[in-house]
Amino acid sequence: MQYTSHYQSPVGNILLAADTTGLTGLWFEGEKYYANNLDPEHEERNLPVFEDVKRWLTIYFSGQEPDFTPPLHLLGSSFQLAVWEILQKIPYGKTMTYGEIAKIIADRQGLPHMSAQAVGGAVGHNEISIIVPCHRVVGTNGSLTGYAGGIDKKLKLLNLEKADMGHLFVPKKGTAL
């Protein structure tokens, strides 16, 4: 059984979902894969995990790096889980490319290479936005592309973290728009 709660952030309404293990979803209202893995039968309830997540989000949106991670329950394929594990290690205020993540995955699996596009698919289907920081992933050329929450939110989150934006740009066309 999953439970839901809501959080009003400075960049839009957020739906939270959790089960008894931890947070299973954090989606911006209207994002590309909104509530993609939310059980059809769920109920709104105030759980301790939601209090932890809301405290984390309040700290984050105040412009500070939270010093804890609320309990998470990531639900995905082994490949997605491997990519999301790497996302969680991208430091606050830093970015990493899809290609860099692909290289890490390939090295771990003993493969000569891994598709950056496959990594992009896993990043795009991350169910726990912000806390599992998919907004910190950029194209190899510095393109701010591929954020399911929308390019405007990606920009706001990176600016909030005071990320170096000097080498980053919004593409004229593509998946970010």
N, C-alpha and C. Protein backbone atom coordinates (compact mmCIF):
# COMPACT_ATOMS: atom_id res chain seq x y z
N MET A 1 0.85 -1.19 0.00
CA MET A 1 0.00 0.00 0.00
C MET A 1 0.88 1.24 0.00
N GLN A 2 0.52 2.17 -0.85
CA GLN A 2 1.23 3.45 -0.87
C GLN A 2 0.34 4.54 -0.29
N TYR A 3 1.01 5.55 0.24
CA TYR A 3 0.34 6.69 0.84
C TYR A 3 0.89 7.95 0.18
N THR A 4 0.10 9.01 0.18
CA THR A 4 0.53 10.24 -0.46
C THR A 4 0.41 11.43 0.48
N SER A 5 1.14 12.46 0.11
CA SER A 5 1.07 13.74 0.80
C SER A 5 1.50 14.80 -0.22
N HIS A 6 1.31 16.05 0.11
CA HIS A 6 1.64 17.14 -0.81
C HIS A 6 2.58 18.13 -0.14
N TYR A 7 3.39 18.78 -0.98
CA TYR A 7 4.32 19.81 -0.50
C TYR A 7 4.31 20.94 -1.51
N GLN A 8 4.14 22.16 -1.01
CA GLN A 8 4.17 23.33 -1.88
C GLN A 8 5.59 23.89 -1.86
N SER A 9 6.31 23.75 -2.99
CA SER A 9 7.68 24.25 -3.08
C SER A 9 7.69 25.58 -3.80
N PRO A 10 8.79 26.31 -3.72
CA PRO A 10 8.89 27.58 -4.46
C PRO A 10 8.89 27.40 -5.98
N VAL A 11 9.08 26.17 -6.46
CA VAL A 11 9.10 25.94 -7.91
C VAL A 11 7.91 25.10 -8.38
N GLY A 12 6.93 24.88 -7.51
CA GLY A 12 5.73 24.17 -7.91
C GLY A 12 5.25 23.15 -6.90
N ASN A 13 4.02 22.71 -7.09
CA ASN A 13 3.43 21.70 -6.21
C ASN A 13 4.13 20.36 -6.40
N ILE A 14 4.31 19.65 -5.30
CA ILE A 14 4.98 18.35 -5.32
C ILE A 14 4.07 17.31 -4.68
N LEU A 15 3.96 16.16 -5.35
CA LEU A 15 3.25 15.01 -4.78
C LEU A 15 4.29 14.05 -4.23
N LEU A 16 4.11 13.63 -3.00
CA LEU A 16 4.98 12.66 -2.35
C LEU A 16 4.23 11.34 -2.23
N ALA A 17 4.95 10.23 -2.39
CA ALA A 17 4.36 8.90 -2.20
C ALA A 17 5.34 8.07 -1.37
N ALA A 18 4.80 7.20 -0.53
CA ALA A 18 5.64 6.35 0.31
C ALA A 18 4.89 5.07 0.64
N ASP A 19 5.68 4.08 1.02
CA ASP A 19 5.12 2.87 1.60
C ASP A 19 5.74 2.72 2.98
N THR A 20 5.61 1.57 3.59
CA THR A 20 6.13 1.40 4.95
C THR A 20 7.65 1.35 4.99
N THR A 21 8.32 1.19 3.84
CA THR A 21 9.78 1.15 3.78
C THR A 21 10.38 2.54 3.66
N GLY A 22 9.76 3.40 2.83
CA GLY A 22 10.30 4.74 2.63
C GLY A 22 9.62 5.45 1.48
N LEU A 23 10.19 6.59 1.10
CA LEU A 23 9.67 7.41 0.03
C LEU A 23 9.79 6.65 -1.30
N THR A 24 8.70 6.57 -2.04
CA THR A 24 8.70 5.88 -3.34
C THR A 24 8.54 6.85 -4.50
N GLY A 25 8.11 8.07 -4.23
CA GLY A 25 7.92 9.02 -5.31
C GLY A 25 7.93 10.46 -4.82
N LEU A 26 8.48 11.33 -5.65
CA LEU A 26 8.47 12.77 -5.42
C LEU A 26 8.40 13.40 -6.80
N TRP A 27 7.21 13.89 -7.16
CA TRP A 27 6.97 14.38 -8.51
C TRP A 27 6.46 15.82 -8.49
N PHE A 28 6.98 16.62 -9.43
CA PHE A 28 6.40 17.93 -9.65
C PHE A 28 5.09 17.75 -10.39
N GLU A 29 4.07 18.49 -9.98
CA GLU A 29 2.79 18.43 -10.65
C GLU A 29 2.98 18.73 -12.13
N GLY A 30 2.45 17.85 -12.98
CA GLY A 30 2.51 18.05 -14.41
C GLY A 30 3.79 17.57 -15.09
N GLU A 31 4.70 16.96 -14.34
CA GLU A 31 5.94 16.51 -14.99
C GLU A 31 5.66 15.33 -15.91
N LYS A 32 6.63 15.02 -16.74
CA LYS A 32 6.46 14.03 -17.81
C LYS A 32 5.96 12.67 -17.32
N TYR A 33 6.53 12.14 -16.27
CA TYR A 33 6.12 10.81 -15.77
C TYR A 33 5.43 10.93 -14.41
N TYR A 34 4.56 11.91 -14.29
CA TYR A 34 3.90 12.22 -13.02
C TYR A 34 3.21 11.00 -12.43
N ALA A 35 3.59 10.65 -11.21
CA ALA A 35 2.98 9.55 -10.45
C ALA A 35 2.97 8.24 -11.25
N ASN A 36 3.99 8.03 -12.04
CA ASN A 36 4.08 6.88 -12.94
C ASN A 36 3.95 5.55 -12.21
N ASN A 37 4.58 5.42 -11.06
CA ASN A 37 4.55 4.15 -10.32
C ASN A 37 3.68 4.20 -9.06
N LEU A 38 2.78 5.16 -9.00
CA LEU A 38 1.90 5.26 -7.84
C LEU A 38 0.80 4.19 -7.94
N ASP A 39 0.64 3.43 -6.86
CA ASP A 39 -0.42 2.42 -6.82
C ASP A 39 -1.77 3.10 -7.09
N PRO A 40 -2.60 2.49 -7.94
CA PRO A 40 -3.93 3.06 -8.17
C PRO A 40 -4.73 3.17 -6.86
N GLU A 41 -4.50 2.20 -5.97
CA GLU A 41 -5.18 2.23 -4.68
C GLU A 41 -4.20 2.76 -3.64
N HIS A 42 -4.28 4.03 -3.37
CA HIS A 42 -3.42 4.68 -2.38
C HIS A 42 -4.30 5.63 -1.57
N GLU A 43 -3.77 6.07 -0.46
CA GLU A 43 -4.55 7.01 0.33
C GLU A 43 -3.64 8.10 0.90
N GLU A 44 -4.23 9.27 1.06
CA GLU A 44 -3.50 10.38 1.65
C GLU A 44 -3.42 10.14 3.16
N ARG A 45 -2.19 10.23 3.66
CA ARG A 45 -1.98 10.00 5.10
C ARG A 45 -0.70 10.70 5.51
N ASN A 46 -0.68 11.18 6.74
CA ASN A 46 0.52 11.82 7.26
C ASN A 46 1.39 10.76 7.94
N LEU A 47 2.50 10.41 7.31
CA LEU A 47 3.43 9.42 7.83
C LEU A 47 4.71 10.10 8.32
N PRO A 48 5.44 9.49 9.24
CA PRO A 48 6.72 10.06 9.67
C PRO A 48 7.69 10.31 8.51
N VAL A 49 7.70 9.44 7.51
CA VAL A 49 8.60 9.65 6.38
C VAL A 49 8.27 10.95 5.66
N PHE A 50 7.01 11.30 5.58
CA PHE A 50 6.64 12.56 4.93
C PHE A 50 7.14 13.76 5.73
N GLU A 51 7.10 13.65 7.04
CA GLU A 51 7.64 14.75 7.86
C GLU A 51 9.14 14.91 7.60
N ASP A 52 9.86 13.78 7.50
CA ASP A 52 11.30 13.83 7.19
C ASP A 52 11.54 14.46 5.82
N VAL A 53 10.75 14.04 4.82
CA VAL A 53 10.93 14.55 3.45
C VAL A 53 10.61 16.04 3.40
N LYS A 54 9.55 16.46 4.06
CA LYS A 54 9.18 17.88 4.05
C LYS A 54 10.24 18.72 4.76
N ARG A 55 10.82 18.20 5.82
CA ARG A 55 11.91 18.90 6.51
C ARG A 55 13.12 19.00 5.58
N TRP A 56 13.44 17.90 4.88
CA TRP A 56 14.55 17.90 3.92
C TRP A 56 14.30 18.96 2.84
N LEU A 57 13.09 18.96 2.26
CA LEU A 57 12.75 19.90 1.20
C LEU A 57 12.80 21.36 1.68
N THR A 58 12.34 21.61 2.89
CA THR A 58 12.38 22.97 3.44
C THR A 58 13.81 23.46 3.58
N ILE A 59 14.69 22.60 4.06
CA ILE A 59 16.12 22.95 4.15
C ILE A 59 16.68 23.20 2.75
N TYR A 60 16.40 22.28 1.84
CA TYR A 60 16.90 22.39 0.47
C TYR A 60 16.45 23.70 -0.18
N PHE A 61 15.16 23.99 -0.12
CA PHE A 61 14.64 25.19 -0.78
C PHE A 61 15.03 26.48 -0.06
N SER A 62 15.62 26.36 1.12
CA SER A 62 16.17 27.56 1.78
C SER A 62 17.57 27.87 1.25
N GLY A 63 18.06 27.03 0.33
CA GLY A 63 19.38 27.25 -0.26
C GLY A 63 20.51 26.56 0.47
N GLN A 64 20.16 25.63 1.34
CA GLN A 64 21.18 24.89 2.09
C GLN A 64 21.15 23.42 1.68
N GLU A 65 22.29 22.76 1.86
CA GLU A 65 22.36 21.33 1.58
C GLU A 65 21.90 20.56 2.82
N PRO A 66 20.84 19.77 2.72
CA PRO A 66 20.41 18.96 3.87
C PRO A 66 21.52 17.99 4.29
N ASP A 67 21.64 17.76 5.58
CA ASP A 67 22.70 16.88 6.10
C ASP A 67 22.18 15.48 6.43
N PHE A 68 21.06 15.12 5.86
CA PHE A 68 20.50 13.78 6.06
C PHE A 68 19.71 13.41 4.82
N THR A 69 19.43 12.13 4.66
CA THR A 69 18.57 11.66 3.58
C THR A 69 17.41 10.92 4.21
N PRO A 70 16.19 11.29 3.85
CA PRO A 70 15.05 10.56 4.39
C PRO A 70 15.05 9.12 3.87
N PRO A 71 14.33 8.22 4.54
CA PRO A 71 14.27 6.83 4.06
C PRO A 71 13.68 6.78 2.64
N LEU A 72 14.39 6.08 1.75
CA LEU A 72 13.96 5.95 0.36
C LEU A 72 13.65 4.49 0.05
N HIS A 73 12.70 4.28 -0.83
CA HIS A 73 12.39 2.94 -1.34
C HIS A 73 12.32 3.06 -2.85
N LEU A 74 13.48 2.94 -3.48
CA LEU A 74 13.57 3.07 -4.93
C LEU A 74 13.05 1.80 -5.59
N LEU A 75 12.13 1.98 -6.54
CA LEU A 75 11.51 0.86 -7.23
C LEU A 75 11.85 0.94 -8.71
N GLY A 76 12.67 0.01 -9.20
CA GLY A 76 13.05 0.02 -10.60
C GLY A 76 13.84 -1.22 -10.96
N SER A 77 14.27 -1.27 -12.21
CA SER A 77 15.09 -2.39 -12.68
C SER A 77 16.48 -2.30 -12.05
N SER A 78 17.26 -3.35 -12.16
CA SER A 78 18.62 -3.33 -11.61
C SER A 78 19.45 -2.25 -12.30
N PHE A 79 19.24 -2.03 -13.59
CA PHE A 79 19.96 -0.97 -14.31
C PHE A 79 19.56 0.40 -13.78
N GLN A 80 18.26 0.63 -13.64
CA GLN A 80 17.79 1.92 -13.11
C GLN A 80 18.35 2.16 -11.70
N LEU A 81 18.30 1.13 -10.86
CA LEU A 81 18.80 1.28 -9.50
C LEU A 81 20.29 1.62 -9.49
N ALA A 82 21.06 1.03 -10.41
CA ALA A 82 22.49 1.33 -10.50
C ALA A 82 22.71 2.79 -10.90
N VAL A 83 21.92 3.27 -11.85
CA VAL A 83 22.04 4.67 -12.28
C VAL A 83 21.62 5.60 -11.14
N TRP A 84 20.52 5.30 -10.47
CA TRP A 84 20.03 6.17 -9.40
C TRP A 84 21.00 6.20 -8.22
N GLU A 85 21.71 5.11 -8.00
CA GLU A 85 22.74 5.09 -6.94
C GLU A 85 23.83 6.11 -7.27
N ILE A 86 24.22 6.18 -8.53
CA ILE A 86 25.23 7.15 -8.95
C ILE A 86 24.70 8.57 -8.80
N LEU A 87 23.43 8.79 -9.17
CA LEU A 87 22.84 10.12 -9.03
C LEU A 87 22.95 10.61 -7.60
N GLN A 88 22.72 9.72 -6.65
CA GLN A 88 22.75 10.11 -5.24
C GLN A 88 24.15 10.53 -4.77
N LYS A 89 25.17 10.20 -5.56
CA LYS A 89 26.55 10.54 -5.19
C LYS A 89 27.04 11.82 -5.88
N ILE A 90 26.22 12.41 -6.74
CA ILE A 90 26.62 13.68 -7.36
C ILE A 90 26.53 14.76 -6.29
N PRO A 91 27.64 15.43 -6.01
CA PRO A 91 27.62 16.42 -4.93
C PRO A 91 26.67 17.59 -5.20
N TYR A 92 26.13 18.12 -4.14
CA TYR A 92 25.29 19.31 -4.15
C TYR A 92 26.04 20.42 -4.91
N GLY A 93 25.36 21.06 -5.85
CA GLY A 93 25.95 22.16 -6.59
C GLY A 93 26.88 21.75 -7.72
N LYS A 94 26.98 20.46 -8.00
CA LYS A 94 27.85 19.96 -9.07
C LYS A 94 26.98 19.28 -10.12
N THR A 95 27.55 19.06 -11.29
CA THR A 95 26.84 18.34 -12.34
C THR A 95 27.71 17.18 -12.84
N MET A 96 27.07 16.26 -13.51
CA MET A 96 27.74 15.12 -14.12
C MET A 96 27.04 14.88 -15.45
N THR A 97 27.76 14.36 -16.42
CA THR A 97 27.14 14.11 -17.72
C THR A 97 26.58 12.68 -17.79
N TYR A 98 25.67 12.51 -18.74
CA TYR A 98 25.12 11.17 -19.00
C TYR A 98 26.26 10.23 -19.39
N GLY A 99 27.21 10.73 -20.17
CA GLY A 99 28.35 9.93 -20.59
C GLY A 99 29.23 9.50 -19.43
N GLU A 100 29.43 10.38 -18.46
CA GLU A 100 30.23 10.01 -17.28
C GLU A 100 29.55 8.91 -16.48
N ILE A 101 28.24 9.01 -16.35
CA ILE A 101 27.50 7.96 -15.65
C ILE A 101 27.58 6.65 -16.43
N ALA A 102 27.44 6.72 -17.75
CA ALA A 102 27.54 5.52 -18.59
C ALA A 102 28.90 4.85 -18.42
N LYS A 103 29.96 5.64 -18.35
CA LYS A 103 31.31 5.08 -18.17
C LYS A 103 31.42 4.37 -16.82
N ILE A 104 30.88 4.96 -15.77
CA ILE A 104 30.92 4.32 -14.44
C ILE A 104 30.18 2.98 -14.48
N ILE A 105 28.99 2.97 -15.08
CA ILE A 105 28.20 1.73 -15.18
C ILE A 105 28.97 0.69 -15.99
N ALA A 106 29.54 1.09 -17.12
CA ALA A 106 30.31 0.15 -17.96
C ALA A 106 31.48 -0.42 -17.17
N ASP A 107 32.22 0.43 -16.47
CA ASP A 107 33.36 -0.04 -15.67
C ASP A 107 32.92 -1.04 -14.61
N ARG A 108 31.82 -0.74 -13.94
CA ARG A 108 31.32 -1.63 -12.88
C ARG A 108 30.89 -2.99 -13.44
N GLN A 109 30.38 -2.98 -14.66
CA GLN A 109 29.89 -4.22 -15.26
C GLN A 109 30.93 -4.90 -16.14
N GLY A 110 32.13 -4.31 -16.21
CA GLY A 110 33.19 -4.89 -17.02
C GLY A 110 32.91 -4.82 -18.51
N LEU A 111 32.20 -3.81 -18.94
CA LEU A 111 31.86 -3.64 -20.36
C LEU A 111 32.76 -2.60 -21.00
N PRO A 112 33.01 -2.72 -22.31
CA PRO A 112 33.85 -1.71 -22.97
C PRO A 112 33.19 -0.34 -23.06
N HIS A 113 31.84 -0.32 -23.12
CA HIS A 113 31.12 0.95 -23.15
C HIS A 113 29.66 0.71 -22.74
N MET A 114 28.97 1.81 -22.46
CA MET A 114 27.55 1.77 -22.10
C MET A 114 26.90 2.95 -22.80
N SER A 115 25.70 2.80 -23.23
CA SER A 115 24.97 3.84 -23.93
C SER A 115 24.57 4.98 -23.01
N ALA A 116 24.97 6.20 -23.37
CA ALA A 116 24.53 7.38 -22.62
C ALA A 116 23.02 7.55 -22.75
N GLN A 117 22.46 7.12 -23.88
CA GLN A 117 21.01 7.21 -24.07
C GLN A 117 20.26 6.28 -23.11
N ALA A 118 20.82 5.09 -22.87
CA ALA A 118 20.21 4.17 -21.90
C ALA A 118 20.25 4.80 -20.51
N VAL A 119 21.36 5.42 -20.18
CA VAL A 119 21.47 6.12 -18.90
C VAL A 119 20.42 7.23 -18.83
N GLY A 120 20.27 7.96 -19.95
CA GLY A 120 19.27 9.02 -20.00
C GLY A 120 17.87 8.52 -19.73
N GLY A 121 17.54 7.34 -20.25
CA GLY A 121 16.24 6.75 -19.99
C GLY A 121 16.03 6.46 -18.51
N ALA A 122 17.07 5.92 -17.87
CA ALA A 122 16.98 5.62 -16.43
C ALA A 122 16.89 6.91 -15.62
N VAL A 123 17.69 7.90 -15.98
CA VAL A 123 17.66 9.19 -15.27
C VAL A 123 16.27 9.80 -15.40
N GLY A 124 15.72 9.77 -16.61
CA GLY A 124 14.42 10.37 -16.86
C GLY A 124 13.27 9.69 -16.12
N HIS A 125 13.45 8.41 -15.78
CA HIS A 125 12.40 7.69 -15.06
C HIS A 125 12.64 7.63 -13.56
N ASN A 126 13.55 8.44 -13.06
CA ASN A 126 13.77 8.56 -11.62
C ASN A 126 12.47 9.03 -10.96
N GLU A 127 11.98 8.26 -10.03
CA GLU A 127 10.70 8.57 -9.37
C GLU A 127 10.85 9.52 -8.19
N ILE A 128 12.08 9.76 -7.72
CA ILE A 128 12.27 10.58 -6.53
C ILE A 128 13.11 11.80 -6.89
N SER A 129 12.46 12.72 -7.57
CA SER A 129 13.12 13.94 -8.02
C SER A 129 13.72 14.71 -6.84
N ILE A 130 14.70 15.48 -7.11
CA ILE A 130 15.43 16.38 -6.19
C ILE A 130 16.28 15.59 -5.20
N ILE A 131 15.69 14.72 -4.39
CA ILE A 131 16.46 13.96 -3.40
C ILE A 131 17.41 13.00 -4.11
N VAL A 132 16.93 12.35 -5.16
CA VAL A 132 17.79 11.60 -6.08
C VAL A 132 17.99 12.58 -7.24
N PRO A 133 19.09 13.32 -7.22
CA PRO A 133 19.22 14.56 -8.00
C PRO A 133 19.46 14.40 -9.50
N CYS A 134 18.43 13.99 -10.21
CA CYS A 134 18.54 13.86 -11.66
C CYS A 134 18.71 15.22 -12.34
N HIS A 135 18.36 16.30 -11.65
CA HIS A 135 18.54 17.64 -12.23
C HIS A 135 20.02 18.01 -12.37
N ARG A 136 20.90 17.26 -11.74
CA ARG A 136 22.34 17.53 -11.81
C ARG A 136 23.01 16.84 -13.00
N VAL A 137 22.24 16.17 -13.83
CA VAL A 137 22.80 15.47 -14.99
C VAL A 137 22.59 16.33 -16.23
N VAL A 138 23.68 16.52 -16.98
CA VAL A 138 23.66 17.38 -18.17
C VAL A 138 24.28 16.64 -19.35
N GLY A 139 24.06 17.18 -20.54
CA GLY A 139 24.67 16.62 -21.74
C GLY A 139 26.18 16.84 -21.74
N THR A 140 26.89 16.02 -22.48
CA THR A 140 28.35 16.11 -22.56
C THR A 140 28.81 17.48 -23.01
N ASN A 141 28.03 18.12 -23.88
CA ASN A 141 28.39 19.44 -24.39
C ASN A 141 27.91 20.59 -23.49
N GLY A 142 27.33 20.26 -22.33
CA GLY A 142 26.82 21.28 -21.42
C GLY A 142 25.36 21.60 -21.61
N SER A 143 24.69 20.83 -22.46
CA SER A 143 23.27 21.05 -22.72
C SER A 143 22.44 20.65 -21.50
N LEU A 144 21.56 21.54 -21.10
CA LEU A 144 20.61 21.24 -20.01
C LEU A 144 19.42 20.52 -20.64
N THR A 145 19.52 19.24 -20.72
CA THR A 145 18.53 18.46 -21.46
C THR A 145 17.98 17.32 -20.61
N GLY A 146 16.80 16.88 -20.95
CA GLY A 146 16.26 15.65 -20.43
C GLY A 146 15.63 15.66 -19.05
N TYR A 147 15.21 16.79 -18.51
CA TYR A 147 14.63 16.80 -17.17
C TYR A 147 13.11 16.67 -17.26
N ALA A 148 12.56 15.60 -16.69
CA ALA A 148 11.12 15.34 -16.78
C ALA A 148 10.29 16.45 -16.15
N GLY A 149 10.85 17.15 -15.16
CA GLY A 149 10.13 18.25 -14.51
C GLY A 149 10.10 19.52 -15.34
N GLY A 150 10.89 19.57 -16.41
CA GLY A 150 10.94 20.74 -17.27
C GLY A 150 12.23 21.52 -17.09
N ILE A 151 12.69 22.12 -18.16
CA ILE A 151 13.96 22.84 -18.16
C ILE A 151 13.95 24.02 -17.18
N ASP A 152 12.79 24.68 -17.02
CA ASP A 152 12.71 25.81 -16.10
C ASP A 152 13.00 25.38 -14.66
N LYS A 153 12.47 24.24 -14.27
CA LYS A 153 12.72 23.75 -12.91
C LYS A 153 14.18 23.30 -12.74
N LYS A 154 14.72 22.65 -13.76
CA LYS A 154 16.12 22.23 -13.72
C LYS A 154 17.02 23.44 -13.50
N LEU A 155 16.77 24.50 -14.24
CA LEU A 155 17.55 25.73 -14.08
C LEU A 155 17.42 26.30 -12.67
N LYS A 156 16.20 26.35 -12.16
CA LYS A 156 15.96 26.89 -10.82
C LYS A 156 16.68 26.07 -9.75
N LEU A 157 16.64 24.74 -9.88
CA LEU A 157 17.29 23.88 -8.89
C LEU A 157 18.80 24.03 -8.93
N LEU A 158 19.37 24.07 -10.13
CA LEU A 158 20.83 24.25 -10.24
C LEU A 158 21.25 25.63 -9.75
N ASN A 159 20.46 26.65 -10.03
CA ASN A 159 20.77 27.99 -9.52
C ASN A 159 20.64 28.04 -8.00
N LEU A 160 19.64 27.38 -7.45
CA LEU A 160 19.47 27.32 -6.00
C LEU A 160 20.71 26.71 -5.34
N GLU A 161 21.29 25.70 -5.98
CA GLU A 161 22.48 25.03 -5.46
C GLU A 161 23.77 25.80 -5.78
N LYS A 162 23.61 26.93 -6.49
CA LYS A 162 24.77 27.74 -6.89
C LYS A 162 25.76 26.93 -7.73
N ALA A 163 25.21 26.09 -8.60
CA ALA A 163 26.05 25.30 -9.52
C ALA A 163 26.72 26.25 -10.52
N ASP A 164 27.90 25.89 -10.97
CA ASP A 164 28.60 26.65 -12.00
C ASP A 164 27.83 26.49 -13.30
N MET A 165 27.20 27.55 -13.75
CA MET A 165 26.36 27.50 -14.94
C MET A 165 27.10 28.02 -16.18
N GLY A 166 28.36 28.40 -16.01
CA GLY A 166 29.12 29.02 -17.09
C GLY A 166 29.22 28.18 -18.35
N HIS A 167 29.31 26.88 -18.22
CA HIS A 167 29.47 25.99 -19.38
C HIS A 167 28.17 25.34 -19.82
N LEU A 168 27.06 25.68 -19.16
CA LEU A 168 25.78 25.05 -19.44
C LEU A 168 24.90 25.95 -20.30
N PHE A 169 24.05 25.35 -21.12
CA PHE A 169 23.16 26.13 -21.96
C PHE A 169 21.85 25.38 -22.18
N VAL A 170 20.81 26.16 -22.50
CA VAL A 170 19.52 25.60 -22.84
C VAL A 170 19.51 25.36 -24.35
N PRO A 171 19.24 24.12 -24.77
CA PRO A 171 19.23 23.84 -26.21
C PRO A 171 18.05 24.55 -26.89
N LYS A 172 18.21 24.85 -28.16
CA LYS A 172 17.14 25.50 -28.93
C LYS A 172 15.99 24.53 -29.23
N LYS A 173 16.33 23.22 -29.33
CA LYS A 173 15.30 22.21 -29.54
C LYS A 173 15.79 20.93 -28.87
N GLY A 174 14.85 20.03 -28.57
CA GLY A 174 15.22 18.76 -27.96
C GLY A 174 14.31 18.38 -26.82
N THR A 175 14.75 17.39 -26.03
CA THR A 175 13.90 16.81 -25.00
C THR A 175 13.74 17.70 -23.78
N ALA A 176 14.56 18.73 -23.64
CA ALA A 176 14.48 19.58 -22.45
C ALA A 176 13.35 20.60 -22.55
N LEU A 177 12.84 20.82 -23.71
CA LEU A 177 11.89 21.91 -23.90
C LEU A 177 10.45 21.49 -23.80
